[in-house]
Amino acid sequence: MAVRRRDLITLAGGAVTWPLTARAQQTESMRRIGVLMIFAESDAEGQGFVTAFREGLQKLGWIEGQNIRIDIRWGATNPALIQQLARELVASMPDLILSSGTPTTLVLLKQTRTIPIIFATVVDPVGSGLVPVCRSRAATLPDS
């Protein structure tokens, strides 16, 4: 299932809108975002996602080279390469990581549970074990 650029911008852009107080405190240092793409760097769809992500961040006031740094890694659907790139990204200690799919997100979650991971194009986050099942209180209330 393909994700439209607008959906990616909404998902990822909304997740990186840090509180205004955090922005004010970061005047001297840059926020760092790691990106792990399942695509090859030459893939047009992958490049489109990255472009949309950057544009979404710019609309929110996050300018690459001014107040954020984006480190992108391209996994090219190669499991061994994805493992290596995930280790590199986590070791670089970014403020958050954007993951482009289920395989990259699963690998990243094995590497860290402390760096926030934003994922896109995941078909079934609960079924794949990326997020826990949420049992709502409303679901257990009797009908009135």
C-alpha atoms as a PDB file:
ATOM      1  CA  MET A   1       0.000   0.000   0.000  1.00  0.00           C
ATOM      2  CA  ALA A   2       1.526   3.309  -1.072  1.00  0.00           C
ATOM      3  CA  VAL A   3       1.516   6.307   1.217  1.00  0.00           C
ATOM      4  CA  ARG A   4       0.854   9.671  -0.327  1.00  0.00           C
ATOM      5  CA  ARG A   5       3.286  12.497   0.325  1.00  0.00           C
ATOM      6  CA  ARG A   6       0.621  14.484   2.135  1.00  0.00           C
ATOM      7  CA  ASP A   7       0.079  11.593   4.555  1.00  0.00           C
ATOM      8  CA  LEU A   8       3.817  11.304   5.225  1.00  0.00           C
ATOM      9  CA  ILE A   9       4.133  15.046   5.851  1.00  0.00           C
ATOM     10  CA  THR A  10       1.177  15.001   8.232  1.00  0.00           C
ATOM     11  CA  LEU A  11       2.432  11.969  10.117  1.00  0.00           C
ATOM     12  CA  ALA A  12       6.093  12.849  10.377  1.00  0.00           C
ATOM     13  CA  GLY A  13       5.730  16.621  10.532  1.00  0.00           C
ATOM     14  CA  GLY A  14       3.224  16.469  13.356  1.00  0.00           C
ATOM     15  CA  ALA A  15       5.396  14.114  15.341  1.00  0.00           C
ATOM     16  CA  VAL A  16       8.408  16.401  15.269  1.00  0.00           C
ATOM     17  CA  THR A  17       6.679  19.546  16.451  1.00  0.00           C
ATOM     18  CA  TRP A  18       8.585  19.802  19.682  1.00  0.00           C
ATOM     19  CA  PRO A  19       7.151  22.122  22.334  1.00  0.00           C
ATOM     20  CA  LEU A  20       7.870  25.828  21.946  1.00  0.00           C
ATOM     21  CA  THR A  21       9.881  25.847  25.149  1.00  0.00           C
ATOM     22  CA  ALA A  22      12.171  23.156  23.793  1.00  0.00           C
ATOM     23  CA  ARG A  23      12.674  25.212  20.640  1.00  0.00           C
ATOM     24  CA  ALA A  24      13.558  28.280  22.681  1.00  0.00           C
ATOM     25  CA  GLN A  25      16.134  26.300  24.646  1.00  0.00           C
ATOM     26  CA  GLN A  26      17.736  24.956  21.465  1.00  0.00           C
ATOM     27  CA  THR A  27      18.896  28.284  20.017  1.00  0.00           C
ATOM     28  CA  GLU A  28      22.556  27.263  20.208  1.00  0.00           C
ATOM     29  CA  SER A  29      22.299  23.593  19.248  1.00  0.00           C
ATOM     30  CA  MET A  30      20.709  21.750  16.382  1.00  0.00           C
ATOM     31  CA  ARG A  31      18.152  18.985  16.668  1.00  0.00           C
ATOM     32  CA  ARG A  32      19.183  15.812  14.879  1.00  0.00           C
ATOM     33  CA  ILE A  33      16.906  13.484  12.962  1.00  0.00           C
ATOM     34  CA  GLY A  34      18.023  10.092  11.720  1.00  0.00           C
ATOM     35  CA  VAL A  35      16.154   8.605   8.776  1.00  0.00           C
ATOM     36  CA  LEU A  36      16.291   4.938   7.806  1.00  0.00           C
ATOM     37  CA  MET A  37      14.752   4.294   4.404  1.00  0.00           C
ATOM     38  CA  ILE A  38      14.051   0.793   3.130  1.00  0.00           C
ATOM     39  CA  PHE A  39      14.513   2.088  -0.431  1.00  0.00           C
ATOM     40  CA  ALA A  40      17.688   2.381  -2.494  1.00  0.00           C
ATOM     41  CA  GLU A  41      18.961   5.947  -2.706  1.00  0.00           C
ATOM     42  CA  SER A  42      18.198   5.954  -6.445  1.00  0.00           C
ATOM     43  CA  ASP A  43      14.536   4.983  -5.880  1.00  0.00           C
ATOM     44  CA  ALA A  44      12.194   7.777  -7.028  1.00  0.00           C
ATOM     45  CA  GLU A  45       9.494   6.900  -4.482  1.00  0.00           C
ATOM     46  CA  GLY A  46      11.993   6.958  -1.618  1.00  0.00           C
ATOM     47  CA  GLN A  47      13.387  10.290  -2.804  1.00  0.00           C
ATOM     48  CA  GLY A  48       9.831  11.624  -2.990  1.00  0.00           C
ATOM     49  CA  PHE A  49       9.183  10.649   0.637  1.00  0.00           C
ATOM     50  CA  VAL A  50      12.379  12.351   1.796  1.00  0.00           C
ATOM     51  CA  THR A  51      11.559  15.497  -0.188  1.00  0.00           C
ATOM     52  CA  ALA A  52       8.051  15.595   1.284  1.00  0.00           C
ATOM     53  CA  PHE A  53       9.469  15.121   4.785  1.00  0.00           C
ATOM     54  CA  ARG A  54      11.919  17.994   4.338  1.00  0.00           C
ATOM     55  CA  GLU A  55       9.194  20.245   2.903  1.00  0.00           C
ATOM     56  CA  GLY A  56       6.887  19.424   5.803  1.00  0.00           C
ATOM     57  CA  LEU A  57       9.589  20.260   8.311  1.00  0.00           C
ATOM     58  CA  GLN A  58      10.316  23.566   6.554  1.00  0.00           C
ATOM     59  CA  LYS A  59       6.637  24.527   6.756  1.00  0.00           C
ATOM     60  CA  LEU A  60       6.892  23.993  10.511  1.00  0.00           C
ATOM     61  CA  GLY A  61       9.981  26.186  10.809  1.00  0.00           C
ATOM     62  CA  TRP A  62      12.591  23.420  10.888  1.00  0.00           C
ATOM     63  CA  ILE A  63      15.295  24.391   8.396  1.00  0.00           C
ATOM     64  CA  GLU A  64      18.026  21.915   7.551  1.00  0.00           C
ATOM     65  CA  GLY A  65      21.411  23.378   8.404  1.00  0.00           C
ATOM     66  CA  GLN A  66      19.882  26.054  10.654  1.00  0.00           C
ATOM     67  CA  ASN A  67      18.012  24.307  13.455  1.00  0.00           C
ATOM     68  CA  ILE A  68      17.972  20.645  12.359  1.00  0.00           C
ATOM     69  CA  ARG A  69      20.339  18.155  10.831  1.00  0.00           C
ATOM     70  CA  ILE A  70      18.950  15.179   8.931  1.00  0.00           C
ATOM     71  CA  ASP A  71      21.070  12.038   8.532  1.00  0.00           C
ATOM     72  CA  ILE A  72      19.591   9.709   5.920  1.00  0.00           C
ATOM     73  CA  ARG A  73      20.526   6.072   5.425  1.00  0.00           C
ATOM     74  CA  TRP A  74      19.284   4.001   2.452  1.00  0.00           C
ATOM     75  CA  GLY A  75      18.781   0.280   3.137  1.00  0.00           C
ATOM     76  CA  ALA A  76      18.001  -0.816  -0.444  1.00  0.00           C
ATOM     77  CA  THR A  77      15.816  -3.683   0.899  1.00  0.00           C
ATOM     78  CA  ASN A  78      19.011  -5.426   2.041  1.00  0.00           C
ATOM     79  CA  PRO A  79      18.452  -6.913   5.535  1.00  0.00           C
ATOM     80  CA  ALA A  80      22.155  -6.989   6.455  1.00  0.00           C
ATOM     81  CA  LEU A  81      22.647  -3.403   5.305  1.00  0.00           C
ATOM     82  CA  ILE A  82      19.529  -2.269   7.182  1.00  0.00           C
ATOM     83  CA  GLN A  83      20.912  -3.854  10.385  1.00  0.00           C
ATOM     84  CA  GLN A  84      24.234  -2.064   9.938  1.00  0.00           C
ATOM     85  CA  LEU A  85      22.621   1.287   9.139  1.00  0.00           C
ATOM     86  CA  ALA A  86      20.259   1.006  12.120  1.00  0.00           C
ATOM     87  CA  ARG A  87      23.251   0.461  14.423  1.00  0.00           C
ATOM     88  CA  GLU A  88      24.995   3.505  12.912  1.00  0.00           C
ATOM     89  CA  LEU A  89      21.953   5.728  13.312  1.00  0.00           C
ATOM     90  CA  VAL A  90      21.345   4.694  16.920  1.00  0.00           C
ATOM     91  CA  ALA A  91      25.040   5.135  17.772  1.00  0.00           C
ATOM     92  CA  SER A  92      24.895   8.690  16.415  1.00  0.00           C
ATOM     93  CA  MET A  93      22.279   9.495  19.113  1.00  0.00           C
ATOM     94  CA  PRO A  94      19.773  11.544  17.090  1.00  0.00           C
ATOM     95  CA  ASP A  95      16.850  13.230  18.839  1.00  0.00           C
ATOM     96  CA  LEU A  96      14.475  10.985  16.882  1.00  0.00           C
ATOM     97  CA  ILE A  97      14.483   8.518  14.008  1.00  0.00           C
ATOM     98  CA  LEU A  98      12.089   8.333  11.065  1.00  0.00           C
ATOM     99  CA  SER A  99      11.675   4.802   9.712  1.00  0.00           C
ATOM    100  CA  SER A 100      10.141   4.114   6.313  1.00  0.00           C
ATOM    101  CA  GLY A 101       8.542   0.725   6.872  1.00  0.00           C
ATOM    102  CA  THR A 102       7.968  -2.362   8.970  1.00  0.00           C
ATOM    103  CA  PRO A 103      11.351  -4.056   8.359  1.00  0.00           C
ATOM    104  CA  THR A 104      13.375  -0.940   9.190  1.00  0.00           C
ATOM    105  CA  THR A 105      11.245  -0.159  12.242  1.00  0.00           C
ATOM    106  CA  LEU A 106      11.575  -3.689  13.644  1.00  0.00           C
ATOM    107  CA  VAL A 107      15.361  -3.525  13.291  1.00  0.00           C
ATOM    108  CA  LEU A 108      15.507  -0.080  14.913  1.00  0.00           C
ATOM    109  CA  LEU A 109      13.406  -1.224  17.871  1.00  0.00           C
ATOM    110  CA  LYS A 110      15.930  -4.003  18.499  1.00  0.00           C
ATOM    111  CA  GLN A 111      18.657  -1.343  18.642  1.00  0.00           C
ATOM    112  CA  THR A 112      16.962   1.229  20.888  1.00  0.00           C
ATOM    113  CA  ARG A 113      13.996   1.821  23.128  1.00  0.00           C
ATOM    114  CA  THR A 114      15.147   5.263  24.255  1.00  0.00           C
ATOM    115  CA  ILE A 115      15.284   7.213  20.978  1.00  0.00           C
ATOM    116  CA  PRO A 116      11.771   8.029  19.679  1.00  0.00           C
ATOM    117  CA  ILE A 117      11.034   6.236  16.410  1.00  0.00           C
ATOM    118  CA  ILE A 118       8.435   7.593  14.023  1.00  0.00           C
ATOM    119  CA  PHE A 119       7.366   5.091  11.411  1.00  0.00           C
ATOM    120  CA  ALA A 120       5.516   5.415   8.122  1.00  0.00           C
ATOM    121  CA  THR A 121       4.048   2.896   5.674  1.00  0.00           C
ATOM    122  CA  VAL A 122       3.560   0.201   8.289  1.00  0.00           C
ATOM    123  CA  VAL A 123       0.550  -1.905   7.345  1.00  0.00           C
ATOM    124  CA  ASP A 124      -0.290  -3.445  10.746  1.00  0.00           C
ATOM    125  CA  PRO A 125       1.645  -1.866  13.649  1.00  0.00           C
ATOM    126  CA  VAL A 126      -0.145  -3.971  16.293  1.00  0.00           C
ATOM    127  CA  GLY A 127       0.038  -7.251  14.375  1.00  0.00           C
ATOM    128  CA  SER A 128       3.723  -6.753  13.591  1.00  0.00           C
ATOM    129  CA  GLY A 129       4.492  -6.084  17.262  1.00  0.00           C
ATOM    130  CA  LEU A 130       5.533  -2.457  16.811  1.00  0.00           C
ATOM    131  CA  VAL A 131       2.912  -1.098  19.199  1.00  0.00           C
ATOM    132  CA  PRO A 132       1.052  -2.801  22.037  1.00  0.00           C
ATOM    133  CA  VAL A 133      -2.648  -3.537  21.932  1.00  0.00           C
ATOM    134  CA  CYS A 134      -4.501  -0.707  23.636  1.00  0.00           C
ATOM    135  CA  ARG A 135      -7.459  -1.807  25.658  1.00  0.00           C
ATOM    136  CA  SER A 136      -9.777   1.136  26.123  1.00  0.00           C
ATOM    137  CA  ARG A 137     -11.915   1.500  29.207  1.00  0.00           C
ATOM    138  CA  ALA A 138     -14.842   2.413  26.995  1.00  0.00           C
ATOM    139  CA  ALA A 139     -14.708  -1.034  25.419  1.00  0.00           C
ATOM    140  CA  THR A 140     -15.366  -2.663  28.811  1.00  0.00           C
ATOM    141  CA  LEU A 141     -18.238  -0.406  29.901  1.00  0.00           C
ATOM    142  CA  PRO A 142     -21.728  -1.933  29.725  1.00  0.00           C
ATOM    143  CA  ASP A 143     -24.241  -0.469  27.296  1.00  0.00           C
ATOM    144  CA  SER A 144     -26.518   2.118  28.864  1.00  0.00           C
END
